[in-house]
Amino acid sequence: MKLVWQILAVVAVGAVGGQSVTAVQGNPWLSLLLAALTVVLSVLVYRWVVGRTERRPVTELAREGARGALLRGLAIGVAMFGCVIANIYLLGDYKVHGFGSLTGAVALFGFMAGAAVTEELMFRGLLFRLVERGLGTYIALALSGAVFGAVHLLNQDATLVGGVAIAIEAGGMLAAAYAATRSLWLPIGLHFGWNFAESGIFGTEVSGNGDTHGLLDASTSGTKLITGGEFGPEASVYSVLFGALLTVAFLWLAHRRGHIVPRQRAERVNALATLAR
């Protein structure tokens, strides 16, 4: 029941907030305001329900060091997508036609911030963290990544290749970032930086959600292996490559810091918890 309450509370806030922001996308400033409210409310609800049901300090959302972790994640996310789009551009498959829309970028800023926070709370804060307790870090990373990729198959122009790419480059990378830091702030910043760079800056499709109107009016053309096709650059081989490299780097850091939970250790922890009850 503790797990059920956590999922219901976090998912409910994320769903209502996401629908509200989507409903007013034609008004960028209202969209930004509702997204900010969704972010704040989601964090508060997560802290409250997890702290109350698990009876512990919610260290994964500690205020100390939050700003620095967010900014580091933001920088990594923007730089990573910048490398992806640079490679596509050098092959002649990404073209900039001029400036896009500042108000469109503002609306996307809010939408992507809300999506980054709510998705990280659900998929890394709840799914990955709770599965890791029983099955260890590596199995939790694979399972949560697969679920994360599968959810994106519901998008408008979703493709199977895109879903698999998301599972590897985002599901794995973001879970590994959480494992390395044991904080949700870095993956939140990374998630937001990646998505906003993709849509709000470079004006490309995001996860099969159709056209976006960011700061640049741009388009991609060419082989789907390079551009990702209708799904967007997240289905590009370059995104998978850079995401996989960052996943390995974060896992190496997690191992160095002693943050990897082996399956055997997780089973012992569960057995001790059962005996204690």
Protein backbone atom coordinates (compact mmCIF):
# COMPACT_ATOMS: atom_id res chain seq x y z
CA MET A 1 0.00 0.00 0.00
CA LYS A 2 2.92 2.37 0.62
CA LEU A 3 4.06 1.89 -2.96
CA VAL A 4 0.52 2.36 -4.27
CA TRP A 5 0.12 5.66 -2.40
CA GLN A 6 3.45 6.92 -3.72
CA ILE A 7 2.62 6.07 -7.33
CA LEU A 8 -0.92 7.44 -7.16
CA ALA A 9 0.15 10.74 -5.60
CA VAL A 10 3.06 11.44 -7.95
CA VAL A 11 1.32 10.23 -11.11
CA ALA A 12 -1.83 12.20 -10.31
CA VAL A 13 0.05 15.49 -9.90
CA GLY A 14 2.11 14.85 -13.02
CA ALA A 15 -0.94 13.93 -15.12
CA VAL A 16 -3.04 16.90 -14.04
CA GLY A 17 -0.13 19.31 -14.41
CA GLY A 18 0.84 17.94 -17.83
CA GLN A 19 -2.70 18.17 -19.15
CA SER A 20 -3.04 21.73 -17.83
CA VAL A 21 0.17 22.88 -19.50
CA THR A 22 -0.77 21.17 -22.77
CA ALA A 23 -4.20 22.79 -22.74
CA VAL A 24 -2.76 26.33 -22.66
CA GLN A 25 0.22 25.90 -24.99
CA GLY A 26 -1.15 28.70 -27.15
CA ASN A 27 -0.41 31.11 -24.29
CA PRO A 28 3.33 30.81 -23.54
CA TRP A 29 3.31 32.83 -20.31
CA LEU A 30 0.36 30.97 -18.81
CA SER A 31 1.98 27.73 -19.92
CA LEU A 32 5.18 28.75 -18.14
CA LEU A 33 3.27 29.65 -14.96
CA LEU A 34 1.34 26.38 -14.87
CA ALA A 35 4.52 24.42 -15.54
CA ALA A 36 6.25 26.15 -12.62
CA LEU A 37 3.30 25.29 -10.36
CA THR A 38 3.43 21.68 -11.56
CA VAL A 39 7.16 21.47 -10.80
CA VAL A 40 6.80 22.88 -7.29
CA LEU A 41 3.73 20.81 -6.45
CA SER A 42 5.27 17.60 -7.82
CA VAL A 43 8.40 18.00 -5.68
CA LEU A 44 6.38 18.85 -2.57
CA VAL A 45 4.02 15.90 -3.05
CA TYR A 46 6.91 13.49 -3.67
CA ARG A 47 8.70 14.68 -0.54
CA TRP A 48 5.54 14.41 1.53
CA VAL A 49 4.30 11.01 0.38
CA VAL A 50 7.73 9.30 0.32
CA GLY A 51 8.76 10.80 3.67
CA ARG A 52 5.45 9.82 5.25
CA THR A 53 5.20 6.28 3.86
CA GLU A 54 8.90 5.34 4.20
CA ARG A 55 9.46 7.34 7.40
CA ARG A 56 12.84 8.73 6.38
CA PRO A 57 14.44 11.96 5.19
CA VAL A 58 13.93 12.28 1.42
CA THR A 59 17.64 12.69 0.67
CA GLU A 60 17.20 12.22 -3.08
CA LEU A 61 15.56 15.66 -3.16
CA ALA A 62 17.72 17.35 -0.53
CA ARG A 63 17.94 21.12 -0.90
CA GLU A 64 21.68 21.16 -0.22
CA GLY A 65 23.57 21.08 -3.50
CA ALA A 66 20.38 21.09 -5.58
CA ARG A 67 21.25 24.19 -7.62
CA GLY A 68 24.71 22.96 -8.55
CA ALA A 69 23.43 19.51 -9.53
CA LEU A 70 20.66 21.02 -11.66
CA LEU A 71 23.10 23.29 -13.48
CA ARG A 72 25.58 20.46 -14.08
CA GLY A 73 22.81 18.29 -15.45
CA LEU A 74 21.55 21.14 -17.63
CA ALA A 75 25.02 21.72 -19.07
CA ILE A 76 25.54 18.01 -19.78
CA GLY A 77 22.13 17.67 -21.43
CA VAL A 78 22.58 20.70 -23.71
CA ALA A 79 26.16 19.70 -24.59
CA MET A 80 25.12 16.14 -25.35
CA PHE A 81 22.34 17.14 -27.71
CA GLY A 82 24.61 19.79 -29.20
CA CYS A 83 27.06 17.01 -30.13
CA VAL A 84 24.23 14.99 -31.69
CA ILE A 85 22.92 17.86 -33.81
CA ALA A 86 26.46 18.91 -34.79
CA ASN A 87 27.13 15.46 -36.24
CA ILE A 88 23.83 15.48 -38.12
CA TYR A 89 24.61 19.00 -39.41
CA LEU A 90 28.09 18.01 -40.62
CA LEU A 91 26.50 15.27 -42.70
CA GLY A 92 24.19 17.86 -44.28
CA ASP A 93 21.02 16.44 -42.73
CA TYR A 94 20.18 19.38 -40.43
CA LYS A 95 19.40 22.77 -41.94
CA VAL A 96 18.61 26.09 -40.25
CA HIS A 97 16.19 28.28 -42.23
CA GLY A 98 16.25 31.26 -39.87
CA PHE A 99 15.04 32.38 -36.48
CA GLY A 100 12.03 30.65 -35.02
CA SER A 101 9.77 31.80 -32.19
CA LEU A 102 10.82 33.31 -28.85
CA THR A 103 7.35 32.82 -27.38
CA GLY A 104 7.38 29.25 -28.65
CA ALA A 105 10.67 28.67 -26.85
CA VAL A 106 9.17 30.12 -23.65
CA ALA A 107 6.23 27.71 -23.84
CA LEU A 108 8.59 24.81 -24.51
CA PHE A 109 10.77 25.86 -21.56
CA GLY A 110 7.81 25.44 -19.24
CA PHE A 111 6.52 22.26 -20.84
CA MET A 112 9.92 20.55 -20.83
CA ALA A 113 10.65 21.61 -17.24
CA GLY A 114 7.37 20.09 -16.08
CA ALA A 115 7.97 16.90 -18.07
CA ALA A 116 11.54 16.52 -16.79
CA VAL A 117 10.55 16.84 -13.13
CA THR A 118 7.45 14.65 -13.21
CA GLU A 119 9.07 11.92 -15.32
CA GLU A 120 12.19 11.80 -13.15
CA LEU A 121 10.13 11.57 -9.98
CA MET A 122 8.10 8.70 -11.44
CA PHE A 123 10.74 6.72 -13.32
CA ARG A 124 13.91 7.29 -11.33
CA GLY A 125 12.54 8.45 -7.95
CA LEU A 126 9.98 5.65 -7.69
CA LEU A 127 10.40 2.92 -10.31
CA PHE A 128 14.19 2.65 -10.45
CA ARG A 129 14.76 3.29 -6.75
CA LEU A 130 12.20 0.77 -5.55
CA VAL A 131 13.12 -1.98 -8.03
CA GLU A 132 16.79 -1.50 -7.12
CA ARG A 133 16.00 -2.43 -3.53
CA GLY A 134 14.97 -5.91 -4.55
CA LEU A 135 16.92 -6.64 -7.73
CA GLY A 136 20.03 -4.48 -7.57
CA THR A 137 21.25 -1.55 -9.66
CA TYR A 138 21.84 -3.18 -13.03
CA ILE A 139 18.54 -5.06 -13.30
CA ALA A 140 16.66 -1.99 -12.05
CA LEU A 141 18.40 0.12 -14.69
CA ALA A 142 17.43 -2.32 -17.47
CA LEU A 143 13.82 -2.72 -16.33
CA SER A 144 13.14 0.97 -15.68
CA GLY A 145 14.80 1.87 -18.99
CA ALA A 146 12.60 -0.61 -20.86
CA VAL A 147 9.44 0.79 -19.25
CA PHE A 148 10.57 4.36 -19.99
CA GLY A 149 11.11 3.48 -23.66
CA ALA A 150 7.77 1.62 -23.87
CA VAL A 151 5.86 4.62 -22.52
CA HIS A 152 7.23 6.75 -25.36
CA LEU A 153 5.67 4.35 -27.89
CA LEU A 154 2.35 6.05 -27.07
CA ASN A 155 3.48 9.32 -28.67
CA GLN A 156 2.02 10.63 -31.91
CA ASP A 157 4.81 9.63 -34.33
CA ALA A 158 6.36 6.92 -32.20
CA THR A 159 8.41 4.13 -33.76
CA LEU A 160 9.75 0.90 -32.32
CA VAL A 161 13.30 2.05 -33.09
CA GLY A 162 12.60 5.31 -31.24
CA GLY A 163 11.27 3.48 -28.20
CA VAL A 164 14.34 1.24 -28.06
CA ALA A 165 16.62 4.26 -28.50
CA ILE A 166 14.90 6.09 -25.63
CA ALA A 167 15.25 3.03 -23.41
CA ILE A 168 19.01 2.91 -24.02
CA GLU A 169 20.09 6.54 -24.28
CA ALA A 170 17.67 8.12 -21.79
CA GLY A 171 16.33 5.35 -19.56
CA GLY A 172 19.80 3.96 -18.95
CA MET A 173 21.64 7.28 -18.78
CA LEU A 174 19.23 8.99 -16.38
CA ALA A 175 19.06 5.99 -14.04
CA ALA A 176 22.86 5.79 -14.06
CA ALA A 177 23.05 9.53 -13.26
CA TYR A 178 20.82 8.95 -10.24
CA ALA A 179 22.89 5.93 -9.16
CA ALA A 180 26.10 7.98 -9.40
CA THR A 181 24.80 10.85 -7.26
CA ARG A 182 21.90 9.33 -5.28
CA SER A 183 20.13 12.58 -6.05
CA LEU A 184 17.31 13.31 -8.48
CA TRP A 185 18.53 16.84 -9.19
CA LEU A 186 21.24 15.83 -11.67
CA PRO A 187 18.97 13.61 -13.83
CA ILE A 188 16.24 16.28 -13.69
CA GLY A 189 18.67 18.91 -15.02
CA LEU A 190 20.05 16.49 -17.61
CA HIS A 191 16.58 15.49 -18.78
CA PHE A 192 15.46 19.11 -19.07
CA GLY A 193 18.66 20.28 -20.78
CA TRP A 194 18.43 17.53 -23.40
CA ASN A 195 14.74 18.06 -24.18
CA PHE A 196 14.85 21.85 -24.23
CA ALA A 197 17.95 21.91 -26.45
CA GLU A 198 16.21 19.52 -28.82
CA SER A 199 12.99 21.52 -29.06
CA GLY A 200 13.40 25.02 -27.63
CA ILE A 201 16.83 25.75 -29.13
CA PHE A 202 17.35 23.60 -32.22
CA GLY A 203 13.67 23.24 -33.18
CA THR A 204 13.57 19.50 -33.86
CA GLU A 205 10.92 16.89 -33.06
CA VAL A 206 10.93 15.39 -29.55
CA SER A 207 10.13 11.70 -29.03
CA GLY A 208 7.64 11.58 -31.89
CA ASN A 209 5.55 14.48 -30.56
CA GLY A 210 5.43 16.36 -33.86
CA ASP A 211 6.88 19.70 -34.94
CA THR A 212 8.20 22.16 -32.37
CA HIS A 213 8.74 25.90 -32.66
CA GLY A 214 11.89 26.90 -30.80
CA LEU A 215 14.49 29.61 -31.25
CA LEU A 216 15.62 28.18 -34.58
CA ASP A 217 13.44 27.38 -37.59
CA ALA A 218 15.12 24.18 -38.72
CA SER A 219 14.48 20.82 -40.34
CA THR A 220 16.16 17.45 -40.77
CA SER A 221 16.29 15.27 -43.88
CA GLY A 222 18.13 12.14 -44.84
CA THR A 223 18.41 8.60 -43.61
CA LYS A 224 16.47 7.73 -40.45
CA LEU A 225 19.56 6.09 -39.00
CA ILE A 226 21.16 9.54 -38.80
CA THR A 227 18.20 11.87 -38.25
CA GLY A 228 15.78 9.61 -36.38
CA GLY A 229 13.02 10.26 -38.92
CA GLU A 230 9.58 11.27 -37.63
CA PHE A 231 10.54 10.38 -34.07
CA GLY A 232 13.24 13.06 -34.04
CA PRO A 233 16.97 12.99 -33.32
CA GLU A 234 16.44 10.91 -30.18
CA ALA A 235 16.16 7.93 -32.54
CA SER A 236 19.46 8.87 -34.23
CA VAL A 237 22.39 6.50 -33.92
CA TYR A 238 24.35 9.45 -32.53
CA SER A 239 21.92 9.89 -29.63
CA VAL A 240 22.18 6.19 -28.77
CA LEU A 241 25.97 6.35 -28.96
CA PHE A 242 26.40 9.44 -26.76
CA GLY A 243 23.71 8.25 -24.33
CA ALA A 244 25.40 4.86 -23.98
CA LEU A 245 28.78 6.51 -23.37
CA LEU A 246 27.33 8.72 -20.62
CA THR A 247 25.59 5.70 -19.10
CA VAL A 248 28.91 3.88 -18.85
CA ALA A 249 30.58 6.98 -17.39
CA PHE A 250 27.90 7.43 -14.73
CA LEU A 251 27.96 3.73 -13.82
CA TRP A 252 31.74 3.89 -13.48
CA LEU A 253 31.33 6.86 -11.15
CA ALA A 254 28.61 5.05 -9.18
CA HIS A 255 30.86 2.01 -8.79
CA ARG A 256 33.78 4.18 -7.68
CA ARG A 257 31.59 5.84 -5.04
CA GLY A 258 30.23 2.53 -3.79
CA HIS A 259 26.70 3.33 -4.98
CA ILE A 260 26.10 0.11 -6.94
CA VAL A 261 23.65 -2.21 -5.17
CA PRO A 262 24.37 -5.86 -6.06
CA ARG A 263 21.41 -8.21 -6.33
CA GLN A 264 22.75 -10.36 -3.49
CA ARG A 265 23.01 -7.36 -1.21
CA ALA A 266 19.52 -6.23 -2.15
CA GLU A 267 18.15 -9.69 -1.30
CA ARG A 268 19.90 -9.61 2.10
CA VAL A 269 18.46 -6.19 2.83
CA ASN A 270 14.96 -7.43 2.01
CA ALA A 271 15.42 -10.53 4.13
CA LEU A 272 16.58 -8.47 7.12
CA ALA A 273 13.65 -6.08 6.67
CA THR A 274 11.24 -9.04 6.64
CA LEU A 275 12.76 -10.44 9.84
CA ALA A 276 12.58 -7.04 11.49
CA ARG A 277 8.87 -6.83 10.76
